[in-house]
């Protein structure tokens, strides 16, 4: 390492005391005879940082907002038009000159951790945490996926509510209040892509029952670090896909941890999942999460065409011929899995896949039981740095320039997060604690265990084409009590967190290993308090890395089998 230059000491306010404070934080004291030399070096690097801080920022041309038909204005949704609290900000953005018509006329919502030019990005948290003056910064960029959906002709209707710091698999933690399940108000819609799932599901419920929820959307984009696309899709009864890691650029979205950051589509139909996947996928030249395996834009598979050709297979009853489905044994006895979800997923998988000609077998990956522990150990120590402090990944990256993380937290921040999302505060506390007591060596070992876990899944994929697991372990549950009232106090920290324990056990492992995974609605189950009320059950399909098309095909086989089985029942 070289030193760029030696600073003019008269231009710096850095003192020997500052130097010794830095040394003390590292556990040693600098001798007096060395202090002057190290002080000059510290003053020099401080001068460089002050210089960069004072310069104009740079907006990558590829992230400049796409020109739109109307000016980019936004508004806060009124309660009456936002009964499920699924919208964060509203807008009406359509590209002035779209380059394709793949999404022509499709309405879409963008999760509120994804930069949308002309609109603030709140990441589900409080304005006073994001900025001291109360004025939210407006995004000067369109995230890569935002540019792509606009250029494909989609109409962006706004940003969808997400969970506070994106740190909850349930939907009660947003600063703007709980997001409600479209099928049952007062129940979770899953998180952290809660608003995205709800707005798509609400469209479906409106079509089925005529219930009005204000304006909703056809499709949506969510983010998934442990299941945050698939879990909301499971609770809401729609499709939600976490693609292969590196297939879709994360550029312009607020990270939790680079190793597990994914963006993915949510939709009511497989056709729309395929369409949105094709539009979003492909190398953008900016995101360091993308690898040499990531396809260039012109190399992205035509998922809608692949799906259409596959569906039109002339032998309807043998659509699944040659497809081997593995029921992952360990996923059916996880902590908190309800009997009804277990039995529904297992029965529907066997019945419908076999009805369409696929072979269904039991397979075992014992290491699956360690999946969430490996996920936690490999990400938790540094997650507060990426998610809460806005640290760069160490690789060349382009973080959203309008998001300035507030750090360190103060008492007010502690109180706000404890009242709404103690999981976010737990992440902040875990970082320094784990660094002190375990250090980076354990995190590095956990990363090596990720490779072992990936190899374990890859080995079973030599025997089967698709793995089947339950997605969320139960149907949606009621929100915890978020505010004290005449009936009593609000839910305690543990009462808020206990309902989320185990929710991502079957989804999080595939975030670290990078395998594509899709939630498929597969039935309904009884709610906790009333067996007469039914809510969706989700089945997760997992495929080999970079075989996202195979996952979509498998879901199509399942749907064909369901159609055939229901036809037989009717006859």
Protein backbone atom coordinates (compact mmCIF):
# COMPACT_ATOMS: atom_id res chain seq x y z
CA UNK A 1 0.00 0.00 0.00
CA UNK A 2 1.34 3.42 -0.94
CA UNK A 3 0.50 6.83 0.51
CA UNK A 4 -1.05 9.22 -2.03
CA UNK A 5 0.46 12.34 -0.48
CA UNK A 6 1.28 13.92 2.89
CA UNK A 7 -1.27 16.44 4.05
CA UNK A 8 -0.63 19.97 5.21
CA UNK A 9 -0.95 19.58 8.98
CA UNK A 10 -2.22 23.14 9.33
CA UNK A 11 -5.32 22.24 7.29
CA UNK A 12 -6.40 19.40 9.58
CA UNK A 13 -8.23 19.30 12.88
CA UNK A 14 -7.10 15.72 13.56
CA UNK A 15 -5.10 15.62 16.82
CA UNK A 16 -2.96 13.16 18.70
CA UNK A 17 -6.00 12.47 20.87
CA UNK A 18 -7.94 11.35 17.78
CA UNK A 19 -5.04 9.12 16.85
CA UNK A 20 -4.91 7.54 20.29
CA UNK A 21 -8.68 7.05 20.27
CA UNK A 22 -8.36 5.09 17.04
CA UNK A 23 -5.55 3.02 18.52
CA UNK A 24 -7.51 2.44 21.71
CA UNK A 25 -10.47 1.08 19.76
CA UNK A 26 -8.05 -1.50 18.35
CA UNK A 27 -6.66 -2.39 21.75
CA UNK A 28 -3.26 -0.68 21.92
CA UNK A 29 -1.52 2.64 22.66
CA UNK A 30 0.90 4.42 20.31
CA UNK A 31 4.22 5.43 21.91
CA UNK A 32 4.88 9.16 21.99
CA UNK A 33 7.90 8.87 19.66
CA UNK A 34 5.71 7.25 16.96
CA UNK A 35 2.67 9.45 17.35
CA UNK A 36 3.73 12.35 15.12
CA UNK A 37 4.43 10.12 12.12
CA UNK A 38 1.16 8.21 12.41
CA UNK A 39 -0.70 11.48 12.93
CA UNK A 40 0.55 12.83 9.60
CA UNK A 41 -0.58 9.65 7.88
CA UNK A 42 -4.01 9.87 9.48
CA UNK A 43 -4.31 13.54 8.51
CA UNK A 44 -3.40 12.63 4.94
CA UNK A 45 -6.09 10.01 4.50
CA UNK A 46 -8.57 12.35 6.19
CA UNK A 47 -7.75 15.01 3.61
CA UNK A 48 -8.48 12.59 0.78
CA UNK A 49 -11.82 11.60 2.25
CA UNK A 50 -12.81 15.26 2.76
CA UNK A 51 -11.90 15.97 -0.84
CA UNK A 52 -14.03 13.11 -2.20
CA UNK A 53 -16.90 14.04 0.11
CA UNK A 54 -16.95 17.61 -1.26
CA UNK A 55 -17.01 16.61 -4.93
CA UNK A 56 -20.09 16.18 -7.09
CA UNK A 57 -21.50 12.66 -7.09
CA UNK A 58 -21.55 10.54 -10.24
CA UNK A 59 -24.65 8.95 -11.70
CA UNK A 60 -23.90 5.99 -13.93
CA UNK A 61 -25.49 6.68 -17.34
CA UNK A 62 -27.11 3.23 -17.35
CA UNK A 63 -28.99 4.19 -14.18
CA UNK A 64 -30.24 7.59 -15.33
CA UNK A 65 -34.04 7.66 -15.06
CA UNK A 66 -35.80 6.46 -18.19
CA UNK A 67 -37.66 9.34 -19.90
CA UNK A 68 -41.37 8.96 -19.15
CA UNK A 69 -44.54 10.19 -20.83
CA UNK A 70 -45.53 12.33 -17.85
CA UNK A 71 -43.31 14.18 -15.37
CA UNK A 72 -42.08 12.02 -12.49
CA UNK A 73 -44.31 13.12 -9.66
CA UNK A 74 -45.46 11.01 -6.74
CA UNK A 75 -48.01 11.26 -3.97
CA UNK A 76 -48.81 9.68 -0.62
CA UNK A 77 -51.75 7.28 -0.92
CA UNK A 78 -54.83 8.14 1.11
CA UNK A 79 -56.06 5.54 3.60
CA UNK A 80 -59.31 5.02 1.72
CA UNK A 81 -57.43 4.06 -1.46
CA UNK A 82 -54.88 1.98 0.42
CA UNK A 83 -56.97 -0.25 2.72
CA UNK A 84 -54.31 -2.98 2.95
CA UNK A 85 -51.46 -0.48 3.52
CA UNK A 86 -49.66 -2.10 0.57
CA UNK A 87 -48.71 1.16 -1.18
CA UNK A 88 -45.88 3.32 0.14
CA UNK A 89 -45.82 5.96 -2.59
CA UNK A 90 -47.99 6.28 -5.69
CA UNK A 91 -47.06 7.36 -9.19
CA UNK A 92 -47.88 6.75 -12.86
CA UNK A 93 -44.66 6.15 -14.81
CA UNK A 94 -44.57 4.84 -18.37
CA UNK A 95 -41.62 5.09 -20.74
CA UNK A 96 -41.91 7.71 -23.44
CA UNK A 97 -40.24 5.40 -25.96
CA UNK A 98 -40.24 1.76 -24.79
CA UNK A 99 -37.86 -0.49 -26.66
CA UNK A 100 -40.08 -3.60 -26.53
CA UNK A 101 -43.72 -4.38 -25.82
CA UNK A 102 -43.09 -7.46 -23.64
CA UNK A 103 -44.88 -5.85 -20.68
CA UNK A 104 -47.08 -3.50 -22.64
CA UNK A 105 -50.07 -2.44 -20.55
CA UNK A 106 -48.98 -4.44 -17.49
CA UNK A 107 -49.24 -2.52 -14.23
CA UNK A 108 -46.43 -3.11 -11.75
CA UNK A 109 -45.38 -2.23 -8.20
CA UNK A 110 -41.76 -1.86 -7.12
CA UNK A 111 -40.65 -2.85 -3.62
CA UNK A 112 -39.67 0.14 -1.48
CA UNK A 113 -36.01 -0.88 -1.23
CA UNK A 114 -35.50 -0.53 -5.00
CA UNK A 115 -34.51 2.86 -6.41
CA UNK A 116 -37.25 4.42 -8.51
CA UNK A 117 -36.21 7.72 -10.04
CA UNK A 118 -38.24 10.66 -8.74
CA UNK A 119 -39.52 8.84 -5.63
CA UNK A 120 -38.03 8.46 -2.12
CA UNK A 121 -36.81 5.03 -1.04
CA UNK A 122 -37.70 4.44 2.61
CA UNK A 123 -36.76 0.72 3.04
CA UNK A 124 -39.83 0.40 5.26
CA UNK A 125 -38.40 2.51 8.06
CA UNK A 126 -38.99 5.93 9.62
CA UNK A 127 -38.27 9.27 7.99
CA UNK A 128 -36.40 10.48 11.08
CA UNK A 129 -34.07 7.50 10.82
CA UNK A 130 -33.39 8.19 7.16
CA UNK A 131 -32.87 11.94 7.45
CA UNK A 132 -32.50 14.48 10.23
CA UNK A 133 -34.37 17.35 8.55
CA UNK A 134 -37.50 15.37 7.77
CA UNK A 135 -37.11 15.74 4.00
CA UNK A 136 -36.71 12.38 2.30
CA UNK A 137 -34.14 12.33 -0.48
CA UNK A 138 -35.50 11.63 -3.95
CA UNK A 139 -33.88 8.84 -5.93
CA UNK A 140 -31.77 10.22 -8.79
CA UNK A 141 -31.55 6.78 -10.42
CA UNK A 142 -33.65 3.97 -11.77
CA UNK A 143 -32.45 0.58 -10.56
CA UNK A 144 -31.47 -1.71 -13.42
CA UNK A 145 -34.70 -3.71 -13.11
CA UNK A 146 -36.77 -0.52 -13.06
CA UNK A 147 -35.22 0.68 -16.33
CA UNK A 148 -35.86 -2.71 -17.86
CA UNK A 149 -39.55 -2.96 -16.97
CA UNK A 150 -40.17 0.59 -18.17
CA UNK A 151 -38.38 -0.07 -21.44
CA UNK A 152 -40.52 -3.19 -21.83
CA UNK A 153 -43.71 -1.09 -21.68
CA UNK A 154 -44.84 -1.65 -18.08
CA UNK A 155 -46.72 1.07 -16.19
CA UNK A 156 -45.22 1.62 -12.74
CA UNK A 157 -48.00 2.49 -10.31
CA UNK A 158 -45.82 3.14 -7.27
CA UNK A 159 -43.56 1.73 -4.61
CA UNK A 160 -44.95 -1.04 -2.42
CA UNK A 161 -44.62 -1.15 1.34
CA UNK A 162 -41.80 -3.35 2.62
CA UNK A 163 -40.81 -4.39 6.10
CA UNK A 164 -38.69 -2.17 8.36
CA UNK A 165 -35.10 -2.50 7.08
CA UNK A 166 -36.41 -5.49 5.06
CA UNK A 167 -35.78 -7.53 8.21
CA UNK A 168 -38.98 -9.50 8.74
CA UNK A 169 -40.63 -12.51 7.04
CA UNK A 170 -44.00 -11.23 8.32
CA UNK A 171 -45.84 -8.01 7.50
CA UNK A 172 -46.35 -6.08 10.74
CA UNK A 173 -43.10 -4.09 11.00
CA UNK A 174 -43.24 -1.27 8.43
CA UNK A 175 -43.04 2.25 9.81
CA UNK A 176 -46.26 3.04 7.94
CA UNK A 177 -48.07 0.20 9.74
CA UNK A 178 -48.92 -3.47 9.12
CA UNK A 179 -49.64 -4.71 5.61
CA UNK A 180 -52.76 -6.87 5.52
CA UNK A 181 -53.35 -10.12 3.70
CA UNK A 182 -55.65 -9.56 0.74
CA UNK A 183 -57.66 -12.62 1.72
CA UNK A 184 -58.08 -11.72 5.39
CA UNK A 185 -57.49 -8.30 6.90
CA UNK A 186 -55.58 -8.37 10.17
CA UNK A 187 -53.50 -11.35 9.02
CA UNK A 188 -49.94 -11.31 7.72
CA UNK A 189 -49.20 -11.18 4.03
CA UNK A 190 -45.60 -12.23 4.67
CA UNK A 191 -42.46 -10.15 4.33
CA UNK A 192 -40.37 -8.43 3.54
CA UNK A 193 -41.91 -7.94 0.07
CA UNK A 194 -45.26 -7.58 1.80
CA UNK A 195 -46.81 -4.82 -0.27
CA UNK A 196 -45.70 -6.33 -3.57
CA UNK A 197 -47.36 -9.67 -2.80
CA UNK A 198 -50.49 -8.05 -1.41
CA UNK A 199 -51.08 -5.81 -4.43
CA UNK A 200 -50.86 -8.77 -6.81
CA UNK A 201 -52.99 -11.01 -4.59
CA UNK A 202 -55.58 -8.23 -4.20
CA UNK A 203 -56.04 -8.18 -7.96
CA UNK A 204 -56.76 -11.91 -7.88
CA UNK A 205 -59.17 -11.61 -4.95
CA UNK A 206 -60.99 -8.77 -6.70
CA UNK A 207 -61.40 -10.94 -9.79
CA UNK A 208 -62.64 -13.88 -7.70
CA UNK A 209 -64.92 -12.09 -5.24
CA UNK A 210 -65.37 -8.53 -6.48
CA UNK A 211 -63.80 -7.09 -3.31
CA UNK A 212 -62.47 -3.59 -3.89
CA UNK A 213 -59.02 -2.67 -2.58
CA UNK A 214 -58.45 0.54 -4.52
CA UNK A 215 -55.89 0.36 -7.30
CA UNK A 216 -53.83 -2.84 -7.43
CA UNK A 217 -51.38 -4.31 -9.98
CA UNK A 218 -50.86 -7.20 -12.36
CA UNK A 219 -47.27 -7.97 -11.37
CA UNK A 220 -44.66 -6.80 -8.88
CA UNK A 221 -40.96 -6.93 -8.07
CA UNK A 222 -39.76 -8.03 -4.64
CA UNK A 223 -36.47 -8.67 -2.92
CA UNK A 224 -35.47 -11.98 -1.36
CA UNK A 225 -32.63 -12.57 1.13
CA UNK A 226 -34.14 -15.43 3.15
CA UNK A 227 -37.50 -15.97 1.50
CA UNK A 228 -38.86 -12.44 1.18
CA UNK A 229 -40.45 -13.10 -2.22
CA UNK A 230 -41.49 -16.71 -1.67
CA UNK A 231 -42.92 -16.37 1.86
CA UNK A 232 -45.29 -13.48 0.95
CA UNK A 233 -46.28 -15.40 -2.17
CA UNK A 234 -47.04 -18.47 -0.03
CA UNK A 235 -49.19 -16.57 2.47
CA UNK A 236 -50.93 -14.63 -0.31
CA UNK A 237 -51.67 -17.50 -2.69
CA UNK A 238 -49.65 -16.32 -5.70
CA UNK A 239 -46.42 -17.22 -7.48
CA UNK A 240 -43.15 -15.75 -6.30
CA UNK A 241 -39.70 -16.62 -7.61
CA UNK A 242 -36.18 -16.26 -6.27
CA UNK A 243 -34.09 -16.78 -9.40
CA UNK A 244 -30.60 -18.23 -9.58
CA UNK A 245 -28.16 -15.94 -7.78
CA UNK A 246 -26.64 -13.60 -10.34
CA UNK A 247 -29.37 -13.95 -12.97
CA UNK A 248 -31.04 -10.60 -12.15
CA UNK A 249 -28.94 -7.52 -11.31
CA UNK A 250 -29.43 -6.09 -7.83
CA UNK A 251 -28.03 -2.70 -8.85
CA UNK A 252 -29.98 0.18 -7.32
CA UNK A 253 -31.59 -1.86 -4.54
CA UNK A 254 -30.66 -1.47 -0.87
CA UNK A 255 -28.69 -4.56 0.20
CA UNK A 256 -28.96 -6.74 3.28
CA UNK A 257 -25.86 -8.78 2.50
CA UNK A 258 -24.39 -9.14 -1.00
CA UNK A 259 -24.09 -12.94 -0.82
CA UNK A 260 -27.85 -13.41 -0.38
CA UNK A 261 -29.38 -10.42 -2.20
CA UNK A 262 -31.88 -11.41 -4.89
CA UNK A 263 -34.65 -9.59 -6.76
CA UNK A 264 -37.53 -11.61 -8.15
CA UNK A 265 -40.98 -11.50 -9.76
CA UNK A 266 -44.39 -11.92 -8.11
CA UNK A 267 -47.46 -12.66 -10.22
CA UNK A 268 -50.76 -14.49 -10.27
CA UNK A 269 -49.78 -16.66 -13.26
CA UNK A 270 -46.72 -18.60 -14.35
CA UNK A 271 -46.84 -16.82 -17.68
CA UNK A 272 -46.38 -13.45 -15.99
CA UNK A 273 -43.57 -14.85 -13.81
CA UNK A 274 -41.79 -16.02 -16.97
CA UNK A 275 -42.37 -12.71 -18.71
CA UNK A 276 -41.08 -10.57 -15.86
CA UNK A 277 -38.12 -12.91 -15.34
CA UNK A 278 -37.10 -12.52 -18.98
CA UNK A 279 -37.35 -8.73 -18.80
CA UNK A 280 -35.33 -8.38 -15.58
CA UNK A 281 -32.63 -10.97 -16.25
CA UNK A 282 -29.17 -10.49 -17.71
CA UNK A 283 -25.81 -8.89 -16.96
CA UNK A 284 -25.86 -5.12 -16.39
CA UNK A 285 -22.11 -4.50 -16.14
CA UNK A 286 -22.44 -2.91 -12.70
CA UNK A 287 -23.57 -5.46 -10.10
CA UNK A 288 -20.66 -7.40 -8.54
CA UNK A 289 -23.09 -10.17 -7.58
CA UNK A 290 -23.23 -11.21 -11.22
CA UNK A 291 -20.72 -13.85 -12.27
CA UNK A 292 -19.16 -15.21 -15.49
CA UNK A 293 -22.14 -17.59 -15.54
CA UNK A 294 -24.62 -14.69 -15.73
CA UNK A 295 -26.04 -14.38 -19.26
CA UNK A 296 -25.62 -11.21 -21.27
CA UNK A 297 -28.90 -9.52 -22.11
CA UNK A 298 -29.11 -11.07 -25.58
CA UNK A 299 -28.33 -14.48 -24.09
CA UNK A 300 -31.24 -14.49 -21.61
CA UNK A 301 -33.53 -17.41 -22.26
CA UNK A 302 -36.96 -16.66 -23.70
CA UNK A 303 -38.81 -17.99 -20.67
CA UNK A 304 -42.32 -17.20 -21.97
CA UNK A 305 -41.61 -18.98 -25.26
CA UNK A 306 -40.05 -21.97 -23.46
CA UNK A 307 -43.11 -22.18 -21.24
CA UNK A 308 -45.58 -21.81 -24.12
CA UNK A 309 -43.91 -24.50 -26.21
CA UNK A 310 -43.73 -26.81 -23.22
CA UNK A 311 -47.39 -26.28 -22.30
CA UNK A 312 -48.49 -27.03 -25.83
CA UNK A 313 -46.92 -30.48 -25.71
CA UNK A 314 -49.28 -32.67 -27.72
CA UNK A 315 -49.48 -35.46 -25.13
CA UNK A 316 -51.42 -33.59 -22.47
CA UNK A 317 -51.48 -36.37 -19.89
CA UNK A 318 -47.76 -37.08 -20.26
CA UNK A 319 -46.50 -33.50 -19.99
CA UNK A 320 -44.33 -34.52 -17.05
CA UNK A 321 -42.90 -37.62 -18.70
CA UNK A 322 -39.20 -37.92 -17.88
CA UNK A 323 -39.41 -35.38 -15.05
CA UNK A 324 -38.28 -36.68 -11.67
CA UNK A 325 -39.54 -34.86 -8.58
CA UNK A 326 -37.89 -35.28 -5.19
CA UNK A 327 -39.81 -34.69 -1.96
CA UNK A 328 -37.08 -33.40 0.38
CA UNK A 329 -37.58 -35.50 3.51
CA UNK A 330 -35.93 -33.09 5.95
CA UNK A 331 -38.14 -30.20 4.82
CA UNK A 332 -41.29 -32.00 5.96
CA UNK A 333 -40.36 -32.24 9.64
CA UNK A 334 -39.03 -28.76 10.37
CA UNK A 335 -39.84 -26.94 13.60
CA UNK A 336 -43.24 -25.25 13.46
CA UNK A 337 -44.51 -27.00 10.33
CA UNK A 338 -48.24 -27.55 10.70
CA UNK A 339 -49.69 -30.97 9.97
CA UNK A 340 -52.09 -29.42 7.49
CA UNK A 341 -49.35 -27.70 5.47
CA UNK A 342 -47.14 -30.81 5.55
CA UNK A 343 -49.94 -33.11 4.40
CA UNK A 344 -51.29 -30.70 1.78
CA UNK A 345 -47.91 -30.11 0.14
CA UNK A 346 -46.97 -33.79 0.18
CA UNK A 347 -50.37 -34.99 -1.10
CA UNK A 348 -50.77 -32.35 -3.80
CA UNK A 349 -47.20 -32.87 -5.05
CA UNK A 350 -47.65 -36.62 -5.38
CA UNK A 351 -51.16 -36.44 -6.80
CA UNK A 352 -50.70 -33.71 -9.38
CA UNK A 353 -47.17 -34.41 -10.57
CA UNK A 354 -47.99 -38.09 -11.04
CA UNK A 355 -51.28 -37.24 -12.79
CA UNK A 356 -49.24 -35.38 -15.42
CA UNK A 357 -46.79 -38.23 -15.88
CA UNK A 358 -43.89 -37.18 -13.64
CA UNK A 359 -42.16 -39.55 -11.24
CA UNK A 360 -42.22 -38.58 -7.55
CA UNK A 361 -39.71 -40.01 -5.08
CA UNK A 362 -38.50 -39.31 -1.55
CA UNK A 363 -34.96 -37.90 -1.27
CA UNK A 364 -32.81 -36.90 1.68
CA UNK A 365 -30.31 -34.09 2.19
CA UNK A 366 -29.42 -34.32 5.90
CA UNK A 367 -27.48 -31.06 5.73
CA UNK A 368 -30.73 -29.23 4.94
CA UNK A 369 -31.32 -29.25 8.70
CA UNK A 370 -28.27 -26.98 9.08
CA UNK A 371 -29.33 -24.63 6.30
CA UNK A 372 -30.71 -21.76 8.37
CA UNK A 373 -27.82 -21.98 10.84
CA UNK A 374 -25.33 -21.71 7.97
CA UNK A 375 -27.35 -18.82 6.52
CA UNK A 376 -27.24 -17.02 9.87
CA UNK A 377 -23.55 -17.61 10.62
CA UNK A 378 -22.45 -16.59 7.14
CA UNK A 379 -24.38 -13.29 7.08
CA UNK A 380 -25.34 -12.01 10.54
CA UNK A 381 -21.94 -10.71 11.61
CA UNK A 382 -21.67 -8.31 8.70
CA UNK A 383 -25.36 -7.75 7.91
CA UNK A 384 -25.61 -4.65 10.07
CA UNK A 385 -22.73 -3.14 8.10
CA UNK A 386 -24.40 -3.69 4.72
CA UNK A 387 -28.04 -3.20 5.70
CA UNK A 388 -27.84 -0.62 8.48
CA UNK A 389 -24.58 1.24 7.94
CA UNK A 390 -24.54 1.35 4.14
CA UNK A 391 -21.12 -0.22 3.82
CA UNK A 392 -19.88 -1.16 0.37
CA UNK A 393 -19.22 -4.81 -0.41
CA UNK A 394 -15.49 -4.43 -0.98
CA UNK A 395 -16.06 -5.12 -4.67
CA UNK A 396 -16.73 -2.26 -7.07
CA UNK A 397 -20.40 -1.51 -6.60
CA UNK A 398 -22.93 1.28 -7.14
CA UNK A 399 -25.00 1.79 -4.01
CA UNK A 400 -28.09 4.04 -4.22
CA UNK A 401 -26.65 7.55 -3.73
CA UNK A 402 -29.76 8.97 -2.04
CA UNK A 403 -29.71 6.47 0.84
CA UNK A 404 -27.56 7.76 3.68
CA UNK A 405 -27.64 5.29 6.53
CA UNK A 406 -27.92 6.77 10.03
CA UNK A 407 -25.20 5.33 12.21
CA UNK A 408 -24.60 4.78 15.04
CA UNK A 409 -28.12 4.28 16.37
CA UNK A 410 -29.28 6.41 19.29
CA UNK A 411 -31.89 5.89 22.00
CA UNK A 412 -34.71 7.23 19.86
CA UNK A 413 -33.78 4.85 17.03
CA UNK A 414 -33.69 1.96 19.51
CA UNK A 415 -37.17 2.83 20.76
CA UNK A 416 -38.65 3.15 17.27
CA UNK A 417 -37.25 -0.15 16.04
CA UNK A 418 -38.02 -2.06 19.23
CA UNK A 419 -41.64 -0.94 18.97
CA UNK A 420 -41.98 -1.99 15.33
CA UNK A 421 -39.28 -4.43 14.30
CA UNK A 422 -37.02 -5.73 17.08
CA UNK A 423 -35.49 -8.08 14.48
CA UNK A 424 -33.76 -5.06 12.91
CA UNK A 425 -32.38 -4.01 16.29
CA UNK A 426 -31.23 -7.59 16.86
CA UNK A 427 -29.25 -7.40 13.61
CA UNK A 428 -27.58 -4.19 14.80
CA UNK A 429 -26.71 -5.70 18.18
CA UNK A 430 -25.47 -8.97 16.69
CA UNK A 431 -22.81 -7.33 14.54
CA UNK A 432 -20.50 -5.88 17.21
CA UNK A 433 -21.19 -8.74 19.63
CA UNK A 434 -20.21 -11.43 17.13
CA UNK A 435 -17.19 -9.47 15.93
CA UNK A 436 -15.91 -9.24 19.50
CA UNK A 437 -16.58 -12.82 20.58
CA UNK A 438 -16.01 -14.77 17.36
CA UNK A 439 -14.23 -12.55 14.85
CA UNK A 440 -14.22 -12.98 11.08
CA UNK A 441 -12.76 -16.50 11.13
CA UNK A 442 -16.10 -18.09 12.10
CA UNK A 443 -17.94 -16.13 9.43
CA UNK A 444 -15.31 -17.27 6.91
CA UNK A 445 -15.82 -20.88 8.03
CA UNK A 446 -19.58 -20.44 7.59
CA UNK A 447 -18.93 -19.30 4.02
CA UNK A 448 -17.00 -22.52 3.42
CA UNK A 449 -19.96 -24.43 4.87
CA UNK A 450 -22.13 -22.72 2.24
CA UNK A 451 -20.07 -24.46 -0.44
CA UNK A 452 -20.61 -27.75 1.40
CA UNK A 453 -24.36 -27.13 1.59
CA UNK A 454 -24.47 -26.24 -2.10
CA UNK A 455 -22.61 -29.45 -2.94
CA UNK A 456 -25.11 -31.46 -0.88
CA UNK A 457 -28.04 -30.09 -2.87
CA UNK A 458 -26.14 -30.45 -6.15
CA UNK A 459 -25.54 -34.10 -5.33
CA UNK A 460 -29.24 -34.82 -4.90
CA UNK A 461 -29.88 -33.01 -8.20
CA UNK A 462 -27.98 -35.84 -9.89
CA UNK A 463 -30.92 -38.03 -8.86
CA UNK A 464 -33.89 -35.70 -9.40
CA UNK A 465 -34.74 -32.64 -11.50
CA UNK A 466 -36.70 -30.70 -8.88
CA UNK A 467 -36.87 -30.62 -5.09
CA UNK A 468 -40.23 -30.06 -3.37
CA UNK A 469 -40.54 -28.53 0.10
CA UNK A 470 -43.28 -26.73 2.00
CA UNK A 471 -42.73 -22.99 1.60
CA UNK A 472 -44.08 -21.14 4.65
CA UNK A 473 -44.60 -23.64 7.51
CA UNK A 474 -48.16 -22.50 8.27
CA UNK A 475 -50.92 -20.47 6.72
CA UNK A 476 -50.96 -16.75 7.49
CA UNK A 477 -51.39 -15.81 11.13
CA UNK A 478 -52.82 -12.68 12.79
CA UNK A 479 -50.57 -9.66 13.26
CA UNK A 480 -49.14 -9.18 16.74
CA UNK A 481 -50.61 -6.29 18.70
CA UNK A 482 -48.52 -3.29 17.67
CA UNK A 483 -49.97 -0.58 19.94
CA UNK A 484 -51.19 -0.42 23.51
CA UNK A 485 -54.86 0.39 23.98
CA UNK A 486 -57.67 0.06 26.50
CA UNK A 487 -57.49 -3.73 26.15
CA UNK A 488 -53.89 -3.90 27.29
CA UNK A 489 -50.26 -3.37 26.31
CA UNK A 490 -48.72 -4.00 22.91
CA UNK A 491 -47.05 -7.31 22.17
CA UNK A 492 -43.66 -7.80 23.81
CA UNK A 493 -40.41 -8.17 21.87
CA UNK A 494 -40.57 -11.96 22.08
CA UNK A 495 -44.27 -12.00 21.20
CA UNK A 496 -43.47 -10.07 18.03
CA UNK A 497 -40.52 -12.29 17.14
CA UNK A 498 -41.85 -15.70 18.20
CA UNK A 499 -44.43 -15.77 15.40
CA UNK A 500 -41.58 -15.43 12.89
CA UNK A 501 -39.40 -18.22 14.28
CA UNK A 502 -38.85 -20.93 11.67
CA UNK A 503 -40.77 -19.17 8.91
CA UNK A 504 -37.76 -19.19 6.53
CA UNK A 505 -36.34 -22.61 7.47
CA UNK A 506 -37.07 -24.07 4.03
CA UNK A 507 -36.35 -20.93 2.01
CA UNK A 508 -33.21 -19.29 3.47
CA UNK A 509 -30.80 -22.15 2.64
CA UNK A 510 -31.31 -21.56 -1.08
CA UNK A 511 -30.38 -17.88 -0.74
CA UNK A 512 -26.86 -18.81 0.32
CA UNK A 513 -26.52 -21.68 -2.18
CA UNK A 514 -28.03 -19.66 -5.05
CA UNK A 515 -30.46 -22.29 -6.37
CA UNK A 516 -33.63 -21.00 -8.09
CA UNK A 517 -36.80 -21.50 -6.07
CA UNK A 518 -40.47 -20.79 -6.78
CA UNK A 519 -43.54 -20.68 -4.56
CA UNK A 520 -46.50 -22.47 -6.14
CA UNK A 521 -49.97 -22.17 -4.57
CA UNK A 522 -51.09 -25.73 -3.80
CA UNK A 523 -54.13 -25.55 -1.53
CA UNK A 524 -55.77 -23.93 1.45
CA UNK A 525 -55.59 -24.51 5.18
CA UNK A 526 -57.47 -23.52 8.30
CA UNK A 527 -56.58 -20.36 10.17
CA UNK A 528 -55.42 -20.58 13.76
CA UNK A 529 -58.59 -19.19 15.31
CA UNK A 530 -61.31 -20.42 12.97
CA UNK A 531 -61.22 -23.70 11.03
CA UNK A 532 -63.94 -22.40 8.73
CA UNK A 533 -61.68 -19.66 7.39
CA UNK A 534 -59.20 -20.83 4.79
CA UNK A 535 -55.92 -19.24 3.70
CA UNK A 536 -53.38 -20.28 1.04
CA UNK A 537 -50.70 -22.95 1.41
CA UNK A 538 -47.53 -22.70 -0.67
CA UNK A 539 -45.25 -25.38 -2.10
CA UNK A 540 -41.64 -24.54 -2.96
CA UNK A 541 -40.02 -25.94 -6.11
CA UNK A 542 -36.21 -25.78 -6.20
CA UNK A 543 -34.06 -26.44 -9.25
CA UNK A 544 -30.43 -26.73 -10.30
CA UNK A 545 -28.57 -23.44 -10.52
CA UNK A 546 -29.15 -21.72 -13.88
CA UNK A 547 -32.05 -24.06 -14.66
CA UNK A 548 -34.74 -21.49 -13.86
CA UNK A 549 -36.65 -22.62 -16.95
CA UNK A 550 -36.84 -26.15 -15.53
CA UNK A 551 -38.44 -24.78 -12.36
CA UNK A 552 -41.07 -23.02 -14.46
CA UNK A 553 -41.65 -26.20 -16.47
CA UNK A 554 -42.10 -28.21 -13.29
CA UNK A 555 -44.68 -25.73 -12.03
CA UNK A 556 -46.47 -26.09 -15.35
CA UNK A 557 -46.50 -29.88 -14.95
CA UNK A 558 -47.98 -29.47 -11.47
CA UNK A 559 -50.70 -27.17 -12.81
CA UNK A 560 -51.48 -29.57 -15.66
CA UNK A 561 -51.76 -32.43 -13.17
CA UNK A 562 -54.14 -30.38 -11.04
CA UNK A 563 -56.32 -29.64 -14.08
CA UNK A 564 -56.42 -33.31 -15.04
CA UNK A 565 -57.21 -34.43 -11.50
CA UNK A 566 -60.03 -31.91 -11.13
CA UNK A 567 -61.41 -32.93 -14.51
CA UNK A 568 -61.53 -36.55 -13.38
CA UNK A 569 -63.28 -35.51 -10.15
CA UNK A 570 -65.93 -33.62 -12.11
CA UNK A 571 -66.48 -36.50 -14.51
